[in-house]
Amino acid sequence: MSNILLQGLYNTIRLSIWGTVLATIFGTITGLFRISQRLFYRLVGRTYVELIRNIPPLVLIFIFYYFLSGPVMTALGVDAFVESGLPVLKRS
């Protein structure tokens, strides 16, 4: 049981670190777009910010869960971990 909890802790920490890194990179790029001299880049940056501001958080959660979670979980190896079989869950 403790091994499963440690795996969950490890996955949570890993997701938090990757989320922070990706959000920092994406936010920096968007910020640079917003202050760019080129009109196209400013419009792209502004459109993204306004789009995210105007979509309710619950809708974003649904979009992530139903449409994006499959590829993300596969890329992180969660599917392989679950399919490998957990000894605690195989008991009948």
PDB file of N, CA and C in Angstrom:
ATOM      1  N   MET A   1       0.833  -1.200   0.000  1.00  0.00           N
ATOM      2  CA  MET A   1       0.000   0.000   0.000  1.00  0.00           C
ATOM      3  C   MET A   1       0.871   1.255   0.000  1.00  0.00           C
ATOM      4  N   SER A   2       1.957   1.232   0.757  1.00  0.00           N
ATOM      5  CA  SER A   2       2.800   2.420   0.835  1.00  0.00           C
ATOM      6  C   SER A   2       3.484   2.694  -0.497  1.00  0.00           C
ATOM      7  N   ASN A   3       3.774   1.633  -1.278  1.00  0.00           N
ATOM      8  CA  ASN A   3       4.391   1.824  -2.584  1.00  0.00           C
ATOM      9  C   ASN A   3       3.455   2.597  -3.516  1.00  0.00           C
ATOM     10  N   ILE A   4       2.172   2.306  -3.454  1.00  0.00           N
ATOM     11  CA  ILE A   4       1.192   3.010  -4.280  1.00  0.00           C
ATOM     12  C   ILE A   4       1.120   4.475  -3.862  1.00  0.00           C
ATOM     13  N   LEU A   5       1.146   4.744  -2.569  1.00  0.00           N
ATOM     14  CA  LEU A   5       1.108   6.124  -2.096  1.00  0.00           C
ATOM     15  C   LEU A   5       2.361   6.885  -2.510  1.00  0.00           C
ATOM     16  N   LEU A   6       3.511   6.228  -2.456  1.00  0.00           N
ATOM     17  CA  LEU A   6       4.743   6.880  -2.886  1.00  0.00           C
ATOM     18  C   LEU A   6       4.735   7.147  -4.390  1.00  0.00           C
ATOM     19  N   GLN A   7       4.173   6.232  -5.165  1.00  0.00           N
ATOM     20  CA  GLN A   7       4.046   6.452  -6.609  1.00  0.00           C
ATOM     21  C   GLN A   7       3.130   7.648  -6.876  1.00  0.00           C
ATOM     22  N   GLY A   8       2.039   7.742  -6.136  1.00  0.00           N
ATOM     23  CA  GLY A   8       1.133   8.876  -6.291  1.00  0.00           C
ATOM     24  C   GLY A   8       1.802  10.187  -5.917  1.00  0.00           C
ATOM     25  N   LEU A   9       2.584  10.180  -4.840  1.00  0.00           N
ATOM     26  CA  LEU A   9       3.323  11.366  -4.437  1.00  0.00           C
ATOM     27  C   LEU A   9       4.336  11.751  -5.503  1.00  0.00           C
ATOM     28  N   TYR A  10       5.042  10.770  -6.024  1.00  0.00           N
ATOM     29  CA  TYR A  10       6.024  11.015  -7.081  1.00  0.00           C
ATOM     30  C   TYR A  10       5.357  11.602  -8.325  1.00  0.00           C
ATOM     31  N   ASN A  11       4.235  11.042  -8.740  1.00  0.00           N
ATOM     32  CA  ASN A  11       3.527  11.557  -9.918  1.00  0.00           C
ATOM     33  C   ASN A  11       3.011  12.970  -9.681  1.00  0.00           C
ATOM     34  N   THR A  12       2.526  13.253  -8.470  1.00  0.00           N
ATOM     35  CA  THR A  12       2.035  14.589  -8.151  1.00  0.00           C
ATOM     36  C   THR A  12       3.165  15.611  -8.215  1.00  0.00           C
ATOM     37  N   ILE A  13       4.294  15.268  -7.643  1.00  0.00           N
ATOM     38  CA  ILE A  13       5.442  16.178  -7.677  1.00  0.00           C
ATOM     39  C   ILE A  13       5.922  16.375  -9.113  1.00  0.00           C
ATOM     40  N   ARG A  14       5.988  15.295  -9.870  1.00  0.00           N
ATOM     41  CA  ARG A  14       6.434  15.381 -11.267  1.00  0.00           C
ATOM     42  C   ARG A  14       5.481  16.251 -12.089  1.00  0.00           C
ATOM     43  N   LEU A  15       4.175  16.060 -11.930  1.00  0.00           N
ATOM     44  CA  LEU A  15       3.203  16.883 -12.648  1.00  0.00           C
ATOM     45  C   LEU A  15       3.286  18.349 -12.230  1.00  0.00           C
ATOM     46  N   SER A  16       3.517  18.595 -10.955  1.00  0.00           N
ATOM     47  CA  SER A  16       3.631  19.977 -10.478  1.00  0.00           C
ATOM     48  C   SER A  16       4.848  20.669 -11.074  1.00  0.00           C
ATOM     49  N   ILE A  17       5.963  19.971 -11.107  1.00  0.00           N
ATOM     50  CA  ILE A  17       7.179  20.563 -11.663  1.00  0.00           C
ATOM     51  C   ILE A  17       7.010  20.831 -13.152  1.00  0.00           C
ATOM     52  N   TRP A  18       6.512  19.839 -13.895  1.00  0.00           N
ATOM     53  CA  TRP A  18       6.318  20.030 -15.333  1.00  0.00           C
ATOM     54  C   TRP A  18       5.296  21.124 -15.614  1.00  0.00           C
ATOM     55  N   GLY A  19       4.233  21.165 -14.832  1.00  0.00           N
ATOM     56  CA  GLY A  19       3.230  22.216 -15.017  1.00  0.00           C
ATOM     57  C   GLY A  19       3.805  23.602 -14.780  1.00  0.00           C
ATOM     58  N   THR A  20       4.635  23.736 -13.755  1.00  0.00           N
ATOM     59  CA  THR A  20       5.266  25.021 -13.461  1.00  0.00           C
ATOM     60  C   THR A  20       6.220  25.431 -14.574  1.00  0.00           C
ATOM     61  N   VAL A  21       7.037  24.482 -15.041  1.00  0.00           N
ATOM     62  CA  VAL A  21       7.998  24.787 -16.106  1.00  0.00           C
ATOM     63  C   VAL A  21       7.268  25.183 -17.397  1.00  0.00           C
ATOM     64  N   LEU A  22       6.285  24.388 -17.787  1.00  0.00           N
ATOM     65  CA  LEU A  22       5.563  24.683 -19.024  1.00  0.00           C
ATOM     66  C   LEU A  22       4.770  25.984 -18.925  1.00  0.00           C
ATOM     67  N   ALA A  23       4.169  26.254 -17.774  1.00  0.00           N
ATOM     68  CA  ALA A  23       3.421  27.497 -17.601  1.00  0.00           C
ATOM     69  C   ALA A  23       4.355  28.706 -17.650  1.00  0.00           C
ATOM     70  N   THR A  24       5.547  28.566 -17.081  1.00  0.00           N
ATOM     71  CA  THR A  24       6.516  29.658 -17.127  1.00  0.00           C
ATOM     72  C   THR A  24       6.964  29.936 -18.558  1.00  0.00           C
ATOM     73  N   ILE A  25       7.271  28.887 -19.292  1.00  0.00           N
ATOM     74  CA  ILE A  25       7.695  29.052 -20.684  1.00  0.00           C
ATOM     75  C   ILE A  25       6.572  29.655 -21.525  1.00  0.00           C
ATOM     76  N   PHE A  26       5.373  29.082 -21.401  1.00  0.00           N
ATOM     77  CA  PHE A  26       4.240  29.557 -22.197  1.00  0.00           C
ATOM     78  C   PHE A  26       3.857  30.985 -21.819  1.00  0.00           C
ATOM     79  N   GLY A  27       3.891  31.301 -20.541  1.00  0.00           N
ATOM     80  CA  GLY A  27       3.574  32.655 -20.086  1.00  0.00           C
ATOM     81  C   GLY A  27       4.599  33.675 -20.556  1.00  0.00           C
ATOM     82  N   THR A  28       5.866  33.281 -20.562  1.00  0.00           N
ATOM     83  CA  THR A  28       6.915  34.185 -21.045  1.00  0.00           C
ATOM     84  C   THR A  28       6.749  34.468 -22.533  1.00  0.00           C
ATOM     85  N   ILE A  29       6.468  33.418 -23.297  1.00  0.00           N
ATOM     86  CA  ILE A  29       6.258  33.605 -24.737  1.00  0.00           C
ATOM     87  C   ILE A  29       5.039  34.494 -24.988  1.00  0.00           C
ATOM     88  N   THR A  30       3.965  34.261 -24.268  1.00  0.00           N
ATOM     89  CA  THR A  30       2.763  35.082 -24.431  1.00  0.00           C
ATOM     90  C   THR A  30       3.035  36.531 -24.036  1.00  0.00           C
ATOM     91  N   GLY A  31       3.773  36.728 -22.953  1.00  0.00           N
ATOM     92  CA  GLY A  31       4.129  38.082 -22.532  1.00  0.00           C
ATOM     93  C   GLY A  31       4.980  38.801 -23.560  1.00  0.00           C
ATOM     94  N   LEU A  32       5.925  38.076 -24.149  1.00  0.00           N
ATOM     95  CA  LEU A  32       6.748  38.678 -25.202  1.00  0.00           C
ATOM     96  C   LEU A  32       5.916  39.017 -26.435  1.00  0.00           C
ATOM     97  N   PHE A  33       4.936  38.173 -26.724  1.00  0.00           N
ATOM     98  CA  PHE A  33       4.029  38.481 -27.834  1.00  0.00           C
ATOM     99  C   PHE A  33       3.250  39.761 -27.552  1.00  0.00           C
ATOM    100  N   ARG A  34       2.806  39.914 -26.312  1.00  0.00           N
ATOM    101  CA  ARG A  34       1.984  41.082 -25.961  1.00  0.00           C
ATOM    102  C   ARG A  34       2.749  42.391 -26.086  1.00  0.00           C
ATOM    103  N   ILE A  35       4.074  42.387 -25.890  1.00  0.00           N
ATOM    104  CA  ILE A  35       4.843  43.630 -25.964  1.00  0.00           C
ATOM    105  C   ILE A  35       5.635  43.744 -27.262  1.00  0.00           C
ATOM    106  N   SER A  36       5.366  42.871 -28.205  1.00  0.00           N
ATOM    107  CA  SER A  36       6.084  42.868 -29.471  1.00  0.00           C
ATOM    108  C   SER A  36       5.769  44.117 -30.301  1.00  0.00           C
ATOM    109  N   GLN A  37       6.691  44.474 -31.174  1.00  0.00           N
ATOM    110  CA  GLN A  37       6.483  45.597 -32.086  1.00  0.00           C
ATOM    111  C   GLN A  37       5.580  45.205 -33.252  1.00  0.00           C
ATOM    112  N   ARG A  38       5.535  43.922 -33.559  1.00  0.00           N
ATOM    113  CA  ARG A  38       4.721  43.453 -34.681  1.00  0.00           C
ATOM    114  C   ARG A  38       3.254  43.310 -34.269  1.00  0.00           C
ATOM    115  N   LEU A  39       2.398  43.802 -35.112  1.00  0.00           N
ATOM    116  CA  LEU A  39       0.964  43.785 -34.826  1.00  0.00           C
ATOM    117  C   LEU A  39       0.426  42.363 -34.721  1.00  0.00           C
ATOM    118  N   PHE A  40       0.871  41.468 -35.606  1.00  0.00           N
ATOM    119  CA  PHE A  40       0.364  40.099 -35.599  1.00  0.00           C
ATOM    120  C   PHE A  40       0.648  39.410 -34.261  1.00  0.00           C
ATOM    121  N   TYR A  41       1.881  39.554 -33.768  1.00  0.00           N
ATOM    122  CA  TYR A  41       2.229  38.915 -32.493  1.00  0.00           C
ATOM    123  C   TYR A  41       1.428  39.505 -31.338  1.00  0.00           C
ATOM    124  N   ARG A  42       1.232  40.828 -31.351  1.00  0.00           N
ATOM    125  CA  ARG A  42       0.417  41.453 -30.306  1.00  0.00           C
ATOM    126  C   ARG A  42      -1.015  40.942 -30.341  1.00  0.00           C
ATOM    127  N   LEU A  43      -1.554  40.778 -31.552  1.00  0.00           N
ATOM    128  CA  LEU A  43      -2.924  40.261 -31.671  1.00  0.00           C
ATOM    129  C   LEU A  43      -3.024  38.818 -31.190  1.00  0.00           C
ATOM    130  N   VAL A  44      -2.039  38.005 -31.511  1.00  0.00           N
ATOM    131  CA  VAL A  44      -2.037  36.606 -31.050  1.00  0.00           C
ATOM    132  C   VAL A  44      -1.978  36.567 -29.525  1.00  0.00           C
ATOM    133  N   GLY A  45      -1.081  37.348 -28.932  1.00  0.00           N
ATOM    134  CA  GLY A  45      -0.966  37.382 -27.472  1.00  0.00           C
ATOM    135  C   GLY A  45      -2.229  37.874 -26.801  1.00  0.00           C
ATOM    136  N   ARG A  46      -2.789  38.937 -27.354  1.00  0.00           N
ATOM    137  CA  ARG A  46      -4.009  39.485 -26.761  1.00  0.00           C
ATOM    138  C   ARG A  46      -5.187  38.529 -26.913  1.00  0.00           C
ATOM    139  N   THR A  47      -5.296  37.896 -28.081  1.00  0.00           N
ATOM    140  CA  THR A  47      -6.383  36.939 -28.307  1.00  0.00           C
ATOM    141  C   THR A  47      -6.306  35.791 -27.315  1.00  0.00           C
ATOM    142  N   TYR A  48      -5.104  35.264 -27.102  1.00  0.00           N
ATOM    143  CA  TYR A  48      -4.944  34.166 -26.150  1.00  0.00           C
ATOM    144  C   TYR A  48      -5.353  34.593 -24.739  1.00  0.00           C
ATOM    145  N   VAL A  49      -4.858  35.747 -24.303  1.00  0.00           N
ATOM    146  CA  VAL A  49      -5.166  36.209 -22.947  1.00  0.00           C
ATOM    147  C   VAL A  49      -6.665  36.446 -22.784  1.00  0.00           C
ATOM    148  N   GLU A  50      -7.279  37.098 -23.735  1.00  0.00           N
ATOM    149  CA  GLU A  50      -8.709  37.368 -23.632  1.00  0.00           C
ATOM    150  C   GLU A  50      -9.538  36.083 -23.707  1.00  0.00           C
ATOM    151  N   LEU A  51      -9.099  35.144 -24.518  1.00  0.00           N
ATOM    152  CA  LEU A  51      -9.810  33.870 -24.618  1.00  0.00           C
ATOM    153  C   LEU A  51      -9.766  33.118 -23.293  1.00  0.00           C
ATOM    154  N   ILE A  52      -8.597  33.046 -22.687  1.00  0.00           N
ATOM    155  CA  ILE A  52      -8.465  32.340 -21.411  1.00  0.00           C
ATOM    156  C   ILE A  52      -9.218  33.078 -20.300  1.00  0.00           C
ATOM    157  N   ARG A  53      -9.183  34.388 -20.308  1.00  0.00           N
ATOM    158  CA  ARG A  53      -9.902  35.157 -19.284  1.00  0.00           C
ATOM    159  C   ARG A  53     -11.411  34.964 -19.368  1.00  0.00           C
ATOM    160  N   ASN A  54     -11.927  34.797 -20.576  1.00  0.00           N
ATOM    161  CA  ASN A  54     -13.375  34.755 -20.766  1.00  0.00           C
ATOM    162  C   ASN A  54     -13.977  33.359 -20.752  1.00  0.00           C
ATOM    163  N   ILE A  55     -13.161  32.332 -20.656  1.00  0.00           N
ATOM    164  CA  ILE A  55     -13.691  30.973 -20.542  1.00  0.00           C
ATOM    165  C   ILE A  55     -13.739  30.616 -19.059  1.00  0.00           C
ATOM    166  N   PRO A  56     -14.885  30.185 -18.568  1.00  0.00           N
ATOM    167  CA  PRO A  56     -14.982  29.821 -17.150  1.00  0.00           C
ATOM    168  C   PRO A  56     -14.020  28.664 -16.816  1.00  0.00           C
ATOM    169  N   PRO A  57     -13.434  28.684 -15.618  1.00  0.00           N
ATOM    170  CA  PRO A  57     -12.487  27.631 -15.230  1.00  0.00           C
ATOM    171  C   PRO A  57     -13.070  26.220 -15.317  1.00  0.00           C
ATOM    172  N   LEU A  58     -14.346  26.054 -15.000  1.00  0.00           N
ATOM    173  CA  LEU A  58     -14.947  24.728 -15.070  1.00  0.00           C
ATOM    174  C   LEU A  58     -14.953  24.201 -16.502  1.00  0.00           C
ATOM    175  N   VAL A  59     -15.199  25.065 -17.465  1.00  0.00           N
ATOM    176  CA  VAL A  59     -15.164  24.654 -18.867  1.00  0.00           C
ATOM    177  C   VAL A  59     -13.756  24.235 -19.260  1.00  0.00           C
ATOM    178  N   LEU A  60     -12.741  24.975 -18.796  1.00  0.00           N
ATOM    179  CA  LEU A  60     -11.356  24.583 -19.065  1.00  0.00           C
ATOM    180  C   LEU A  60     -11.027  23.223 -18.462  1.00  0.00           C
ATOM    181  N   ILE A  61     -11.540  22.958 -17.270  1.00  0.00           N
ATOM    182  CA  ILE A  61     -11.314  21.661 -16.631  1.00  0.00           C
ATOM    183  C   ILE A  61     -11.964  20.546 -17.453  1.00  0.00           C
ATOM    184  N   PHE A  62     -13.185  20.768 -17.922  1.00  0.00           N
ATOM    185  CA  PHE A  62     -13.852  19.765 -18.758  1.00  0.00           C
ATOM    186  C   PHE A  62     -13.098  19.532 -20.061  1.00  0.00           C
ATOM    187  N   ILE A  63     -12.636  20.607 -20.689  1.00  0.00           N
ATOM    188  CA  ILE A  63     -11.883  20.457 -21.935  1.00  0.00           C
ATOM    189  C   ILE A  63     -10.632  19.638 -21.686  1.00  0.00           C
ATOM    190  N   PHE A  64      -9.905  19.943 -20.626  1.00  0.00           N
ATOM    191  CA  PHE A  64      -8.682  19.192 -20.333  1.00  0.00           C
ATOM    192  C   PHE A  64      -9.004  17.734 -20.024  1.00  0.00           C
ATOM    193  N   TYR A  65     -10.004  17.513 -19.187  1.00  0.00           N
ATOM    194  CA  TYR A  65     -10.294  16.150 -18.745  1.00  0.00           C
ATOM    195  C   TYR A  65     -10.787  15.269 -19.891  1.00  0.00           C
ATOM    196  N   TYR A  66     -11.714  15.770 -20.686  1.00  0.00           N
ATOM    197  CA  TYR A  66     -12.333  14.931 -21.707  1.00  0.00           C
ATOM    198  C   TYR A  66     -11.562  14.883 -23.021  1.00  0.00           C
ATOM    199  N   PHE A  67     -10.824  15.921 -23.370  1.00  0.00           N
ATOM    200  CA  PHE A  67     -10.185  15.955 -24.682  1.00  0.00           C
ATOM    201  C   PHE A  67      -8.660  15.853 -24.632  1.00  0.00           C
ATOM    202  N   LEU A  68      -8.038  16.357 -23.585  1.00  0.00           N
ATOM    203  CA  LEU A  68      -6.581  16.400 -23.558  1.00  0.00           C
ATOM    204  C   LEU A  68      -5.946  15.414 -22.591  1.00  0.00           C
ATOM    205  N   SER A  69      -6.708  14.869 -21.666  1.00  0.00           N
ATOM    206  CA  SER A  69      -6.095  14.012 -20.650  1.00  0.00           C
ATOM    207  C   SER A  69      -5.590  12.691 -21.225  1.00  0.00           C
ATOM    208  N   GLY A  70      -6.237  12.152 -22.242  1.00  0.00           N
ATOM    209  CA  GLY A  70      -5.790  10.889 -22.841  1.00  0.00           C
ATOM    210  C   GLY A  70      -4.365  10.953 -23.361  1.00  0.00           C
ATOM    211  N   PRO A  71      -4.060  11.880 -24.265  1.00  0.00           N
ATOM    212  CA  PRO A  71      -2.688  11.982 -24.769  1.00  0.00           C
ATOM    213  C   PRO A  71      -1.671  12.350 -23.683  1.00  0.00           C
ATOM    214  N   VAL A  72      -2.073  13.193 -22.739  1.00  0.00           N
ATOM    215  CA  VAL A  72      -1.145  13.596 -21.678  1.00  0.00           C
ATOM    216  C   VAL A  72      -0.827  12.406 -20.772  1.00  0.00           C
ATOM    217  N   MET A  73      -1.847  11.652 -20.386  1.00  0.00           N
ATOM    218  CA  MET A  73      -1.619  10.491 -19.518  1.00  0.00           C
ATOM    219  C   MET A  73      -0.783   9.430 -20.219  1.00  0.00           C
ATOM    220  N   THR A  74      -0.979   9.257 -21.514  1.00  0.00           N
ATOM    221  CA  THR A  74      -0.170   8.307 -22.273  1.00  0.00           C
ATOM    222  C   THR A  74       1.280   8.776 -22.333  1.00  0.00           C
ATOM    223  N   ALA A  75       1.487  10.060 -22.563  1.00  0.00           N
ATOM    224  CA  ALA A  75       2.847  10.598 -22.635  1.00  0.00           C
ATOM    225  C   ALA A  75       3.568  10.497 -21.295  1.00  0.00           C
ATOM    226  N   LEU A  76       2.844  10.638 -20.192  1.00  0.00           N
ATOM    227  CA  LEU A  76       3.459  10.542 -18.873  1.00  0.00           C
ATOM    228  C   LEU A  76       3.654   9.099 -18.410  1.00  0.00           C
ATOM    229  N   GLY A  77       3.071   8.156 -19.114  1.00  0.00           N
ATOM    230  CA  GLY A  77       3.230   6.754 -18.761  1.00  0.00           C
ATOM    231  C   GLY A  77       2.263   6.252 -17.710  1.00  0.00           C
ATOM    232  N   VAL A  78       1.209   6.995 -17.449  1.00  0.00           N
ATOM    233  CA  VAL A  78       0.230   6.575 -16.445  1.00  0.00           C
ATOM    234  C   VAL A  78      -0.533   5.349 -16.930  1.00  0.00           C
ATOM    235  N   ASP A  79      -0.866   5.308 -18.224  1.00  0.00           N
ATOM    236  CA  ASP A  79      -1.587   4.157 -18.772  1.00  0.00           C
ATOM    237  C   ASP A  79      -0.776   2.873 -18.609  1.00  0.00           C
ATOM    238  N   ALA A  80       0.503   2.930 -18.913  1.00  0.00           N
ATOM    239  CA  ALA A  80       1.359   1.741 -18.792  1.00  0.00           C
ATOM    240  C   ALA A  80       1.461   1.302 -17.337  1.00  0.00           C
ATOM    241  N   PHE A  81       1.509   2.276 -16.423  1.00  0.00           N
ATOM    242  CA  PHE A  81       1.593   1.944 -14.998  1.00  0.00           C
ATOM    243  C   PHE A  81       0.320   1.242 -14.527  1.00  0.00           C
ATOM    244  N   VAL A  82      -0.823   1.732 -14.961  1.00  0.00           N
ATOM    245  CA  VAL A  82      -2.097   1.130 -14.547  1.00  0.00           C
ATOM    246  C   VAL A  82      -2.273  -0.245 -15.178  1.00  0.00           C
ATOM    247  N   GLU A  83      -1.918  -0.375 -16.459  1.00  0.00           N
ATOM    248  CA  GLU A  83      -2.083  -1.652 -17.148  1.00  0.00           C
ATOM    249  C   GLU A  83      -1.086  -2.709 -16.697  1.00  0.00           C
ATOM    250  N   SER A  84       0.021  -2.297 -16.079  1.00  0.00           N
ATOM    251  CA  SER A  84       1.008  -3.268 -15.620  1.00  0.00           C
ATOM    252  C   SER A  84       0.447  -4.131 -14.485  1.00  0.00           C
ATOM    253  N   GLY A  85      -0.558  -3.640 -13.831  1.00  0.00           N
ATOM    254  CA  GLY A  85      -1.216  -4.416 -12.787  1.00  0.00           C
ATOM    255  C   GLY A  85      -0.686  -4.062 -11.422  1.00  0.00           C
ATOM    256  N   LEU A  86      -1.588  -3.695 -10.555  1.00  0.00           N
ATOM    257  CA  LEU A  86      -1.220  -3.367  -9.194  1.00  0.00           C
ATOM    258  C   LEU A  86      -1.579  -4.557  -8.308  1.00  0.00           C
ATOM    259  N   PRO A  87      -0.623  -5.057  -7.543  1.00  0.00           N
ATOM    260  CA  PRO A  87      -0.905  -6.246  -6.718  1.00  0.00           C
ATOM    261  C   PRO A  87      -2.064  -6.057  -5.757  1.00  0.00           C
ATOM    262  N   VAL A  88      -2.235  -4.870  -5.227  1.00  0.00           N
ATOM    263  CA  VAL A  88      -3.308  -4.631  -4.274  1.00  0.00           C
ATOM    264  C   VAL A  88      -4.666  -4.706  -4.962  1.00  0.00           C
ATOM    265  N   LEU A  89      -4.751  -4.234  -6.199  1.00  0.00           N
ATOM    266  CA  LEU A  89      -6.022  -4.209  -6.897  1.00  0.00           C
ATOM    267  C   LEU A  89      -6.378  -5.534  -7.547  1.00  0.00           C
ATOM    268  N   LYS A  90      -5.412  -6.449  -7.700  1.00  0.00           N
ATOM    269  CA  LYS A  90      -5.694  -7.737  -8.360  1.00  0.00           C
ATOM    270  C   LYS A  90      -6.322  -8.756  -7.415  1.00  0.00           C
ATOM    271  N   ARG A  91      -6.300  -8.501  -6.140  1.00  0.00           N
ATOM    272  CA  ARG A  91      -6.879  -9.452  -5.190  1.00  0.00           C
ATOM    273  C   ARG A  91      -8.385  -9.519  -5.372  1.00  0.00           C
ATOM    274  N   SER A  92      -8.915 -10.731  -5.328  1.00  0.00           N
ATOM    275  CA  SER A  92     -10.357 -10.895  -5.502  1.00  0.00           C
ATOM    276  C   SER A  92     -10.992 -11.316  -4.205  1.00  0.00           C
TER     277      SER A  92
END
